[in-house]
PDB file of N, CA and C in Angstrom:
ATOM      1  N   MET A   1      89.381  57.999 -84.671  1.00  0.00           N
ATOM      2  CA  MET A   1      88.774  58.684 -83.552  1.00  0.00           C
ATOM      3  C   MET A   1      87.874  57.905 -83.591  1.00  0.00           C
ATOM      4  N   GLU A   2      86.952  57.169 -84.046  1.00  0.00           N
ATOM      5  CA  GLU A   2      85.869  56.531 -84.096  1.00  0.00           C
ATOM      6  C   GLU A   2      86.025  55.399 -83.012  1.00  0.00           C
ATOM      7  N   ASP A   3      87.157  54.860 -83.536  1.00  0.00           N
ATOM      8  CA  ASP A   3      87.689  53.477 -82.604  1.00  0.00           C
ATOM      9  C   ASP A   3      87.732  53.977 -80.848  1.00  0.00           C
ATOM     10  N   TYR A   4      88.519  55.330 -80.872  1.00  0.00           N
ATOM     11  CA  TYR A   4      88.472  55.886 -79.536  1.00  0.00           C
ATOM     12  C   TYR A   4      87.230  56.084 -78.519  1.00  0.00           C
ATOM     13  N   VAL A   5      86.749  56.376 -79.190  1.00  0.00           N
ATOM     14  CA  VAL A   5      85.172  56.858 -78.932  1.00  0.00           C
ATOM     15  C   VAL A   5      84.373  55.966 -78.412  1.00  0.00           C
ATOM     16  N   THR A   6      84.487  54.681 -79.616  1.00  0.00           N
ATOM     17  CA  THR A   6      83.826  53.217 -79.123  1.00  0.00           C
ATOM     18  C   THR A   6      84.248  52.847 -78.035  1.00  0.00           C
ATOM     19  N   GLU A   7      85.678  52.793 -77.620  1.00  0.00           N
ATOM     20  CA  GLU A   7      86.629  52.219 -76.353  1.00  0.00           C
ATOM     21  C   GLU A   7      86.215  53.241 -75.118  1.00  0.00           C
ATOM     22  N   GLY A   8      85.772  54.162 -75.304  1.00  0.00           N
ATOM     23  CA  GLY A   8      85.002  54.884 -74.163  1.00  0.00           C
ATOM     24  C   GLY A   8      86.197  56.060 -73.623  1.00  0.00           C
ATOM     25  N   TYR A   9      87.141  56.283 -74.733  1.00  0.00           N
ATOM     26  CA  TYR A   9      87.857  57.550 -74.933  1.00  0.00           C
ATOM     27  C   TYR A   9      87.163  58.869 -75.187  1.00  0.00           C
ATOM     28  N   SER A  10      87.524  60.158 -74.572  1.00  0.00           N
ATOM     29  CA  SER A  10      86.892  61.379 -75.008  1.00  0.00           C
ATOM     30  C   SER A  10      88.427  62.213 -75.906  1.00  0.00           C
ATOM     31  N   ILE A  11      87.621  62.651 -77.104  1.00  0.00           N
ATOM     32  CA  ILE A  11      88.767  63.074 -77.936  1.00  0.00           C
ATOM     33  C   ILE A  11      88.763  64.798 -77.022  1.00  0.00           C
ATOM     34  N   LEU A  12      89.694  65.315 -76.982  1.00  0.00           N
ATOM     35  CA  LEU A  12      89.427  66.791 -76.281  1.00  0.00           C
ATOM     36  C   LEU A  12      89.627  67.983 -77.693  1.00  0.00           C
ATOM     37  N   GLY A  13      89.736  67.047 -78.425  1.00  0.00           N
ATOM     38  CA  GLY A  13      90.220  68.079 -79.715  1.00  0.00           C
ATOM     39  C   GLY A  13      90.929  67.855 -80.729  1.00  0.00           C
ATOM     40  N   VAL A  14      91.115  68.628 -81.645  1.00  0.00           N
ATOM     41  CA  VAL A  14      92.179  68.268 -83.009  1.00  0.00           C
ATOM     42  C   VAL A  14      92.621  70.048 -83.069  1.00  0.00           C
ATOM     43  N   VAL A  15      94.099  70.054 -83.263  1.00  0.00           N
ATOM     44  CA  VAL A  15      94.752  71.418 -83.158  1.00  0.00           C
ATOM     45  C   VAL A  15      95.212  71.417 -84.977  1.00  0.00           C
ATOM     46  N   GLY A  16      94.466  72.396 -85.889  1.00  0.00           N
ATOM     47  CA  GLY A  16      95.633  72.296 -86.889  1.00  0.00           C
ATOM     48  C   GLY A  16      96.298  73.609 -86.670  1.00  0.00           C
ATOM     49  N   MET A  17      97.308  73.336 -88.158  1.00  0.00           N
ATOM     50  CA  MET A  17      97.849  74.671 -88.132  1.00  0.00           C
ATOM     51  C   MET A  17      97.433  75.900 -89.626  1.00  0.00           C
ATOM     52  N   ASN A  18      96.680  76.606 -88.932  1.00  0.00           N
ATOM     53  CA  ASN A  18      96.534  77.695 -89.916  1.00  0.00           C
ATOM     54  C   ASN A  18      97.312  78.206 -90.493  1.00  0.00           C
ATOM     55  N   ASP A  19      97.813  77.692 -91.824  1.00  0.00           N
ATOM     56  CA  ASP A  19      98.659  78.195 -92.821  1.00  0.00           C
ATOM     57  C   ASP A  19      99.056  76.831 -93.550  1.00  0.00           C
ATOM     58  N   SER A  20      98.728  75.951 -92.998  1.00  0.00           N
ATOM     59  CA  SER A  20      99.343  74.584 -93.917  1.00  0.00           C
ATOM     60  C   SER A  20      97.744  74.192 -95.116  1.00  0.00           C
ATOM     61  N   PRO A  21      98.710  73.519 -96.133  1.00  0.00           N
ATOM     62  CA  PRO A  21      97.899  73.241 -97.183  1.00  0.00           C
ATOM     63  C   PRO A  21      97.101  71.947 -97.173  1.00  0.00           C
ATOM     64  N   THR A  22      97.381  71.599 -95.901  1.00  0.00           N
ATOM     65  CA  THR A  22      96.942  70.152 -95.718  1.00  0.00           C
ATOM     66  C   THR A  22      96.195  70.184 -94.129  1.00  0.00           C
ATOM     67  N   CYS A  23      96.582  70.937 -92.885  1.00  0.00           N
ATOM     68  CA  CYS A  23      96.070  70.955 -91.801  1.00  0.00           C
ATOM     69  C   CYS A  23      95.576  72.067 -91.749  1.00  0.00           C
ATOM     70  N   GLY A  24      95.106  73.458 -92.296  1.00  0.00           N
ATOM     71  CA  GLY A  24      94.253  74.953 -91.811  1.00  0.00           C
ATOM     72  C   GLY A  24      93.023  74.093 -91.514  1.00  0.00           C
ATOM     73  N   VAL A  25      92.546  75.025 -90.456  1.00  0.00           N
ATOM     74  CA  VAL A  25      90.889  75.094 -89.921  1.00  0.00           C
ATOM     75  C   VAL A  25      90.401  75.777 -90.663  1.00  0.00           C
ATOM     76  N   THR A  26      91.116  77.074 -90.695  1.00  0.00           N
ATOM     77  CA  THR A  26      90.167  78.608 -90.794  1.00  0.00           C
ATOM     78  C   THR A  26      90.867  79.021 -92.342  1.00  0.00           C
ATOM     79  N   LYS A  27      92.219  78.781 -92.315  1.00  0.00           N
ATOM     80  CA  LYS A  27      92.849  79.492 -93.332  1.00  0.00           C
ATOM     81  C   LYS A  27      93.920  78.405 -94.004  1.00  0.00           C
ATOM     82  N   THR A  28      94.154  78.319 -95.033  1.00  0.00           N
ATOM     83  CA  THR A  28      95.030  77.206 -95.874  1.00  0.00           C
ATOM     84  C   THR A  28      95.879  78.373 -96.585  1.00  0.00           C
ATOM     85  N   ILE A  29      96.170  77.141 -97.473  1.00  0.00           N
ATOM     86  CA  ILE A  29      97.580  77.933 -98.713  1.00  0.00           C
ATOM     87  C   ILE A  29      97.140  77.471-100.013  1.00  0.00           C
ATOM     88  N   ASP A  30      96.579  78.493-100.888  1.00  0.00           N
ATOM     89  CA  ASP A  30      96.546  78.438-102.053  1.00  0.00           C
ATOM     90  C   ASP A  30      97.821  77.607-103.037  1.00  0.00           C
ATOM     91  N   LEU A  31      97.914  76.370-102.692  1.00  0.00           N
ATOM     92  CA  LEU A  31      99.158  75.850-103.577  1.00  0.00           C
ATOM     93  C   LEU A  31      99.702  76.166-104.953  1.00  0.00           C
ATOM     94  N   SER A  32      98.489  76.572-105.663  1.00  0.00           N
ATOM     95  CA  SER A  32      99.012  76.523-107.153  1.00  0.00           C
ATOM     96  C   SER A  32      99.554  78.027-107.065  1.00  0.00           C
ATOM     97  N   GLU A  33      99.402  78.814-106.595  1.00  0.00           N
ATOM     98  CA  GLU A  33      99.782  80.503-106.393  1.00  0.00           C
ATOM     99  C   GLU A  33     101.027  80.127-105.354  1.00  0.00           C
ATOM    100  N   PHE A  34     101.166  79.416-104.435  1.00  0.00           N
ATOM    101  CA  PHE A  34     102.376  79.233-103.846  1.00  0.00           C
ATOM    102  C   PHE A  34     103.420  78.989-104.587  1.00  0.00           C
ATOM    103  N   THR A  35     103.247  78.171-105.668  1.00  0.00           N
ATOM    104  CA  THR A  35     104.385  77.354-106.671  1.00  0.00           C
ATOM    105  C   THR A  35     104.487  78.246-107.423  1.00  0.00           C
ATOM    106  N   ARG A  36     103.669  79.209-107.903  1.00  0.00           N
ATOM    107  CA  ARG A  36     104.123  79.976-108.973  1.00  0.00           C
ATOM    108  C   ARG A  36     104.765  81.258-108.317  1.00  0.00           C
ATOM    109  N   LEU A  37     104.298  81.650-107.126  1.00  0.00           N
ATOM    110  CA  LEU A  37     105.385  82.095-106.471  1.00  0.00           C
ATOM    111  C   LEU A  37     106.810  81.901-106.037  1.00  0.00           C
ATOM    112  N   LEU A  38     106.701  80.596-105.852  1.00  0.00           N
ATOM    113  CA  LEU A  38     107.854  80.332-105.265  1.00  0.00           C
ATOM    114  C   LEU A  38     109.085  79.854-106.577  1.00  0.00           C
ATOM    115  N   VAL A  39     108.545  80.002-107.372  1.00  0.00           N
ATOM    116  CA  VAL A  39     109.246  79.623-108.575  1.00  0.00           C
ATOM    117  C   VAL A  39     109.997  80.909-108.898  1.00  0.00           C
ATOM    118  N   THR A  40     109.374  81.811-108.822  1.00  0.00           N
ATOM    119  CA  THR A  40     109.968  83.477-109.089  1.00  0.00           C
ATOM    120  C   THR A  40     110.582  84.075-108.006  1.00  0.00           C
ATOM    121  N   ALA A  41     110.512  83.293-106.594  1.00  0.00           N
ATOM    122  CA  ALA A  41     111.069  83.780-105.722  1.00  0.00           C
ATOM    123  C   ALA A  41     112.602  84.332-105.828  1.00  0.00           C
ATOM    124  N   GLU A  42     113.742  83.625-106.489  1.00  0.00           N
ATOM    125  CA  GLU A  42     114.660  84.216-106.425  1.00  0.00           C
ATOM    126  C   GLU A  42     114.873  85.652-107.318  1.00  0.00           C
ATOM    127  N   GLU A  43     114.023  85.365-108.413  1.00  0.00           N
ATOM    128  CA  GLU A  43     114.207  86.904-109.067  1.00  0.00           C
ATOM    129  C   GLU A  43     113.603  88.064-108.237  1.00  0.00           C
ATOM    130  N   THR A  44     112.449  87.933-107.722  1.00  0.00           N
ATOM    131  CA  THR A  44     112.082  88.935-106.428  1.00  0.00           C
ATOM    132  C   THR A  44     112.308  88.830-105.469  1.00  0.00           C
ATOM    133  N   GLY A  45     113.171  87.690-104.724  1.00  0.00           N
ATOM    134  CA  GLY A  45     113.499  88.390-103.466  1.00  0.00           C
ATOM    135  C   GLY A  45     112.778  87.631-102.511  1.00  0.00           C
ATOM    136  N   ALA A  46     111.742  87.474-102.918  1.00  0.00           N
ATOM    137  CA  ALA A  46     110.530  86.747-101.529  1.00  0.00           C
ATOM    138  C   ALA A  46     111.004  85.286-100.858  1.00  0.00           C
ATOM    139  N   THR A  47     110.945  85.947-100.193  1.00  0.00           N
ATOM    140  CA  THR A  47     110.983  84.986 -98.823  1.00  0.00           C
ATOM    141  C   THR A  47     109.735  83.656 -99.006  1.00  0.00           C
ATOM    142  N   PRO A  48     110.115  82.190 -98.077  1.00  0.00           N
ATOM    143  CA  PRO A  48     108.676  81.563 -98.191  1.00  0.00           C
ATOM    144  C   PRO A  48     108.184  81.764 -97.251  1.00  0.00           C
ATOM    145  N   LYS A  49     108.357  82.783 -96.205  1.00  0.00           N
ATOM    146  CA  LYS A  49     107.205  83.011 -95.247  1.00  0.00           C
ATOM    147  C   LYS A  49     106.235  84.386 -95.966  1.00  0.00           C
ATOM    148  N   HIS A  50     107.077  85.193 -96.417  1.00  0.00           N
ATOM    149  CA  HIS A  50     106.154  86.159 -97.173  1.00  0.00           C
ATOM    150  C   HIS A  50     105.312  85.267 -98.432  1.00  0.00           C
ATOM    151  N   ILE A  51     105.783  84.371 -99.169  1.00  0.00           N
ATOM    152  CA  ILE A  51     105.029  84.011-100.094  1.00  0.00           C
ATOM    153  C   ILE A  51     103.905  83.079 -99.047  1.00  0.00           C
ATOM    154  N   ILE A  52     104.314  82.824 -98.411  1.00  0.00           N
ATOM    155  CA  ILE A  52     102.940  81.892 -97.724  1.00  0.00           C
ATOM    156  C   ILE A  52     101.748  82.878 -97.163  1.00  0.00           C
ATOM    157  N   GLN A  53     102.445  83.856 -96.308  1.00  0.00           N
ATOM    158  CA  GLN A  53     101.524  85.089 -95.985  1.00  0.00           C
ATOM    159  C   GLN A  53     100.593  85.667 -97.134  1.00  0.00           C
ATOM    160  N   GLN A  54     101.145  85.642 -98.539  1.00  0.00           N
ATOM    161  CA  GLN A  54     100.056  86.278 -99.798  1.00  0.00           C
ATOM    162  C   GLN A  54      99.681  85.231 -99.922  1.00  0.00           C
ATOM    163  N   THR A  55      99.946  83.652-100.222  1.00  0.00           N
ATOM    164  CA  THR A  55      98.958  82.800-100.386  1.00  0.00           C
ATOM    165  C   THR A  55      97.578  82.270 -99.631  1.00  0.00           C
ATOM    166  N   LEU A  56      97.782  82.845 -98.256  1.00  0.00           N
ATOM    167  CA  LEU A  56      96.542  82.297 -97.630  1.00  0.00           C
ATOM    168  C   LEU A  56      95.387  82.344 -98.019  1.00  0.00           C
ATOM    169  N   LYS A  57      94.244  81.770 -97.815  1.00  0.00           N
ATOM    170  CA  LYS A  57      92.959  82.067 -98.003  1.00  0.00           C
ATOM    171  C   LYS A  57      92.148  81.260 -97.308  1.00  0.00           C
ATOM    172  N   ASP A  58      90.863  82.043 -96.802  1.00  0.00           N
ATOM    173  CA  ASP A  58      90.122  81.582 -95.887  1.00  0.00           C
ATOM    174  C   ASP A  58      89.376  80.032 -96.587  1.00  0.00           C
ATOM    175  N   GLY A  59      89.237  79.201 -95.405  1.00  0.00           N
ATOM    176  CA  GLY A  59      88.684  78.006 -95.381  1.00  0.00           C
ATOM    177  C   GLY A  59      89.437  76.960 -95.097  1.00  0.00           C
ATOM    178  N   ALA A  60      88.963  75.662 -94.988  1.00  0.00           N
ATOM    179  CA  ALA A  60      90.025  74.750 -94.578  1.00  0.00           C
ATOM    180  C   ALA A  60      90.634  74.217 -95.269  1.00  0.00           C
ATOM    181  N   SER A  61      91.621  73.074 -95.518  1.00  0.00           N
ATOM    182  CA  SER A  61      92.533  72.587 -95.911  1.00  0.00           C
ATOM    183  C   SER A  61      91.640  71.317 -96.253  1.00  0.00           C
ATOM    184  N   TYR A  62      92.269  70.683 -97.188  1.00  0.00           N
ATOM    185  CA  TYR A  62      91.447  69.578 -97.685  1.00  0.00           C
ATOM    186  C   TYR A  62      91.498  68.594 -96.906  1.00  0.00           C
ATOM    187  N   PHE A  63      92.394  67.957 -95.908  1.00  0.00           N
ATOM    188  CA  PHE A  63      92.257  66.998 -95.140  1.00  0.00           C
ATOM    189  C   PHE A  63      91.575  67.388 -93.967  1.00  0.00           C
ATOM    190  N   ILE A  64      92.033  68.500 -93.175  1.00  0.00           N
ATOM    191  CA  ILE A  64      91.114  68.933 -91.741  1.00  0.00           C
ATOM    192  C   ILE A  64      89.442  69.287 -92.423  1.00  0.00           C
ATOM    193  N   GLY A  65      89.436  69.739 -93.673  1.00  0.00           N
ATOM    194  CA  GLY A  65      88.049  69.875 -94.256  1.00  0.00           C
ATOM    195  C   GLY A  65      87.500  68.261 -94.002  1.00  0.00           C
ATOM    196  N   GLY A  66      87.876  67.680 -94.801  1.00  0.00           N
ATOM    197  CA  GLY A  66      87.192  66.316 -94.969  1.00  0.00           C
ATOM    198  C   GLY A  66      87.384  65.767 -93.399  1.00  0.00           C
ATOM    199  N   LEU A  67      88.173  65.506 -92.567  1.00  0.00           N
ATOM    200  CA  LEU A  67      88.304  65.189 -91.475  1.00  0.00           C
ATOM    201  C   LEU A  67      87.159  65.489 -90.535  1.00  0.00           C
ATOM    202  N   ILE A  68      86.694  67.129 -90.478  1.00  0.00           N
ATOM    203  CA  ILE A  68      85.800  67.472 -89.867  1.00  0.00           C
ATOM    204  C   ILE A  68      84.411  67.310 -90.160  1.00  0.00           C
ATOM    205  N   LYS A  69      84.265  66.943 -91.666  1.00  0.00           N
ATOM    206  CA  LYS A  69      82.881  66.388 -92.508  1.00  0.00           C
ATOM    207  C   LYS A  69      82.498  64.824 -92.086  1.00  0.00           C
ATOM    208  N   GLU A  70      83.558  64.435 -92.284  1.00  0.00           N
ATOM    209  CA  GLU A  70      83.822  62.660 -91.960  1.00  0.00           C
ATOM    210  C   GLU A  70      83.306  62.714 -90.118  1.00  0.00           C
ATOM    211  N   SER A  71      83.735  63.362 -89.350  1.00  0.00           N
ATOM    212  CA  SER A  71      83.339  63.270 -87.887  1.00  0.00           C
ATOM    213  C   SER A  71      82.094  63.295 -87.676  1.00  0.00           C
ATOM    214  N   GLN A  72      81.322  64.269 -88.577  1.00  0.00           N
ATOM    215  CA  GLN A  72      80.177  65.019 -88.654  1.00  0.00           C
ATOM    216  C   GLN A  72      79.259  63.921 -89.339  1.00  0.00           C
ATOM    217  N   ASN A  73      79.520  63.104 -89.923  1.00  0.00           N
ATOM    218  CA  ASN A  73      79.001  62.047 -90.534  1.00  0.00           C
ATOM    219  C   ASN A  73      78.827  60.832 -89.916  1.00  0.00           C
ATOM    220  N   ARG A  74      79.799  60.503 -88.677  1.00  0.00           N
ATOM    221  CA  ARG A  74      80.211  59.570 -88.301  1.00  0.00           C
ATOM    222  C   ARG A  74      79.356  60.030 -86.596  1.00  0.00           C
ATOM    223  N   GLY A  75      78.972  61.349 -86.629  1.00  0.00           N
ATOM    224  CA  GLY A  75      78.291  61.511 -85.175  1.00  0.00           C
ATOM    225  C   GLY A  75      79.546  61.760 -84.020  1.00  0.00           C
ATOM    226  N   ILE A  76      80.590  62.017 -84.513  1.00  0.00           N
ATOM    227  CA  ILE A  76      81.700  62.187 -83.415  1.00  0.00           C
ATOM    228  C   ILE A  76      81.801  63.658 -83.306  1.00  0.00           C
ATOM    229  N   ASP A  77      81.637  64.191 -81.651  1.00  0.00           N
ATOM    230  CA  ASP A  77      81.386  65.849 -81.984  1.00  0.00           C
ATOM    231  C   ASP A  77      83.087  65.566 -81.285  1.00  0.00           C
ATOM    232  N   VAL A  78      83.696  66.651 -81.928  1.00  0.00           N
ATOM    233  CA  VAL A  78      85.143  67.058 -81.724  1.00  0.00           C
ATOM    234  C   VAL A  78      85.132  68.372 -81.935  1.00  0.00           C
ATOM    235  N   LYS A  79      86.159  69.192 -81.294  1.00  0.00           N
ATOM    236  CA  LYS A  79      86.474  70.229 -81.457  1.00  0.00           C
ATOM    237  C   LYS A  79      87.757  70.166 -82.147  1.00  0.00           C
ATOM    238  N   VAL A  80      87.487  71.577 -83.308  1.00  0.00           N
ATOM    239  CA  VAL A  80      88.630  71.647 -83.866  1.00  0.00           C
ATOM    240  C   VAL A  80      89.142  73.182 -84.207  1.00  0.00           C
ATOM    241  N   VAL A  81      90.321  73.439 -83.938  1.00  0.00           N
ATOM    242  CA  VAL A  81      90.640  74.950 -83.711  1.00  0.00           C
ATOM    243  C   VAL A  81      91.913  75.000 -84.764  1.00  0.00           C
ATOM    244  N   GLY A  82      92.387  76.093 -85.292  1.00  0.00           N
ATOM    245  CA  GLY A  82      93.633  76.205 -85.833  1.00  0.00           C
ATOM    246  C   GLY A  82      94.328  77.148 -84.879  1.00  0.00           C
ATOM    247  N   TYR A  83      95.556  77.063 -85.109  1.00  0.00           N
ATOM    248  CA  TYR A  83      96.850  77.363 -84.166  1.00  0.00           C
ATOM    249  C   TYR A  83      97.489  78.331 -85.354  1.00  0.00           C
ATOM    250  N   GLU A  84      97.396  79.590 -85.008  1.00  0.00           N
ATOM    251  CA  GLU A  84      97.776  80.602 -85.803  1.00  0.00           C
ATOM    252  C   GLU A  84      99.482  80.961 -85.794  1.00  0.00           C
ATOM    253  N   PRO A  85     100.265  80.380 -86.436  1.00  0.00           N
ATOM    254  CA  PRO A  85     101.619  80.248 -86.387  1.00  0.00           C
ATOM    255  C   PRO A  85     102.212  81.866 -86.471  1.00  0.00           C
ATOM    256  N   TRP A  86     101.670  82.871 -87.292  1.00  0.00           N
ATOM    257  CA  TRP A  86     102.293  84.376 -87.159  1.00  0.00           C
ATOM    258  C   TRP A  86     101.824  84.950 -86.199  1.00  0.00           C
ATOM    259  N   THR A  87     101.214  84.730 -85.297  1.00  0.00           N
ATOM    260  CA  THR A  87     101.166  85.723 -84.105  1.00  0.00           C
ATOM    261  C   THR A  87     102.450  86.168 -83.255  1.00  0.00           C
ATOM    262  N   LYS A  88     102.138  87.099 -82.702  1.00  0.00           N
ATOM    263  CA  LYS A  88     103.576  87.655 -81.971  1.00  0.00           C
ATOM    264  C   LYS A  88     103.525  86.957 -80.819  1.00  0.00           C
ATOM    265  N   SER A  89     102.508  86.432 -79.946  1.00  0.00           N
ATOM    266  CA  SER A  89     102.972  85.944 -79.100  1.00  0.00           C
ATOM    267  C   SER A  89     102.722  84.201 -79.285  1.00  0.00           C
ATOM    268  N   HIS A  90     103.412  83.161 -79.390  1.00  0.00           N
ATOM    269  CA  HIS A  90     103.360  82.215 -79.220  1.00  0.00           C
ATOM    270  C   HIS A  90     102.649  81.511 -77.710  1.00  0.00           C
ATOM    271  N   LYS A  91     102.980  81.988 -76.610  1.00  0.00           N
ATOM    272  CA  LYS A  91     102.043  81.777 -75.361  1.00  0.00           C
ATOM    273  C   LYS A  91     100.585  82.119 -75.336  1.00  0.00           C
ATOM    274  N   GLN A  92     100.238  83.500 -75.953  1.00  0.00           N
ATOM    275  CA  GLN A  92      98.809  83.766 -76.165  1.00  0.00           C
ATOM    276  C   GLN A  92      98.109  82.814 -76.829  1.00  0.00           C
ATOM    277  N   GLU A  93      98.871  82.537 -77.728  1.00  0.00           N
ATOM    278  CA  GLU A  93      98.071  81.578 -79.134  1.00  0.00           C
ATOM    279  C   GLU A  93      97.540  80.073 -78.250  1.00  0.00           C
ATOM    280  N   ALA A  94      98.778  79.803 -77.845  1.00  0.00           N
ATOM    281  CA  ALA A  94      98.689  78.442 -76.782  1.00  0.00           C
ATOM    282  C   ALA A  94      97.639  78.259 -76.032  1.00  0.00           C
ATOM    283  N   ASP A  95      97.627  79.538 -75.350  1.00  0.00           N
ATOM    284  CA  ASP A  95      96.685  80.088 -74.366  1.00  0.00           C
ATOM    285  C   ASP A  95      95.090  80.017 -74.799  1.00  0.00           C
ATOM    286  N   ARG A  96      95.292  80.603 -76.281  1.00  0.00           N
ATOM    287  CA  ARG A  96      93.880  80.813 -76.947  1.00  0.00           C
ATOM    288  C   ARG A  96      93.355  79.463 -77.362  1.00  0.00           C
ATOM    289  N   VAL A  97      94.165  78.567 -77.988  1.00  0.00           N
ATOM    290  CA  VAL A  97      93.907  77.283 -78.122  1.00  0.00           C
ATOM    291  C   VAL A  97      93.554  75.972 -77.031  1.00  0.00           C
ATOM    292  N   ALA A  98      94.241  76.278 -76.011  1.00  0.00           N
ATOM    293  CA  ALA A  98      93.915  75.581 -74.762  1.00  0.00           C
ATOM    294  C   ALA A  98      92.560  75.889 -74.084  1.00  0.00           C
ATOM    295  N   ASN A  99      92.362  77.059 -74.014  1.00  0.00           N
ATOM    296  CA  ASN A  99      90.882  77.652 -73.854  1.00  0.00           C
ATOM    297  C   ASN A  99      89.555  77.291 -74.240  1.00  0.00           C
ATOM    298  N   TYR A 100      89.854  77.076 -76.051  1.00  0.00           N
ATOM    299  CA  TYR A 100      89.131  76.869 -77.228  1.00  0.00           C
ATOM    300  C   TYR A 100      88.717  75.559 -76.529  1.00  0.00           C
ATOM    301  N   LEU A 101      89.746  74.551 -76.065  1.00  0.00           N
ATOM    302  CA  LEU A 101      89.523  73.302 -76.148  1.00  0.00           C
ATOM    303  C   LEU A 101      89.382  72.921 -74.559  1.00  0.00           C
ATOM    304  N   ASP A 102      89.077  73.633 -73.654  1.00  0.00           N
ATOM    305  CA  ASP A 102      88.534  73.422 -71.973  1.00  0.00           C
ATOM    306  C   ASP A 102      89.872  72.742 -71.525  1.00  0.00           C
ATOM    307  N   LEU A 103      90.956  73.330 -71.782  1.00  0.00           N
ATOM    308  CA  LEU A 103      91.922  72.420 -70.955  1.00  0.00           C
ATOM    309  C   LEU A 103      92.301  73.226 -69.634  1.00  0.00           C
TER     310      LEU A 103
END
């Protein structure tokens, strides 16, 4: 991002996937708990979707959290928004993200 900004480009924003262990912006997955539940999924009948929803926790993931912090350290002002994959309307969620990014 720094190279693009230096060359005069504008960065409209970064979109992460809220429920990802690497790309979550405001929600991420507790990987140790996810793994524990996944191992017992056959016995319990839990689906991956159910396990993901059970192991969501508030906060940014390691990668996105680091990206935000490093952008701030380098003086790069970039909007970061999390896409909510479990919403009932993907159209409304896409509109929300676009609106946040002023698109």
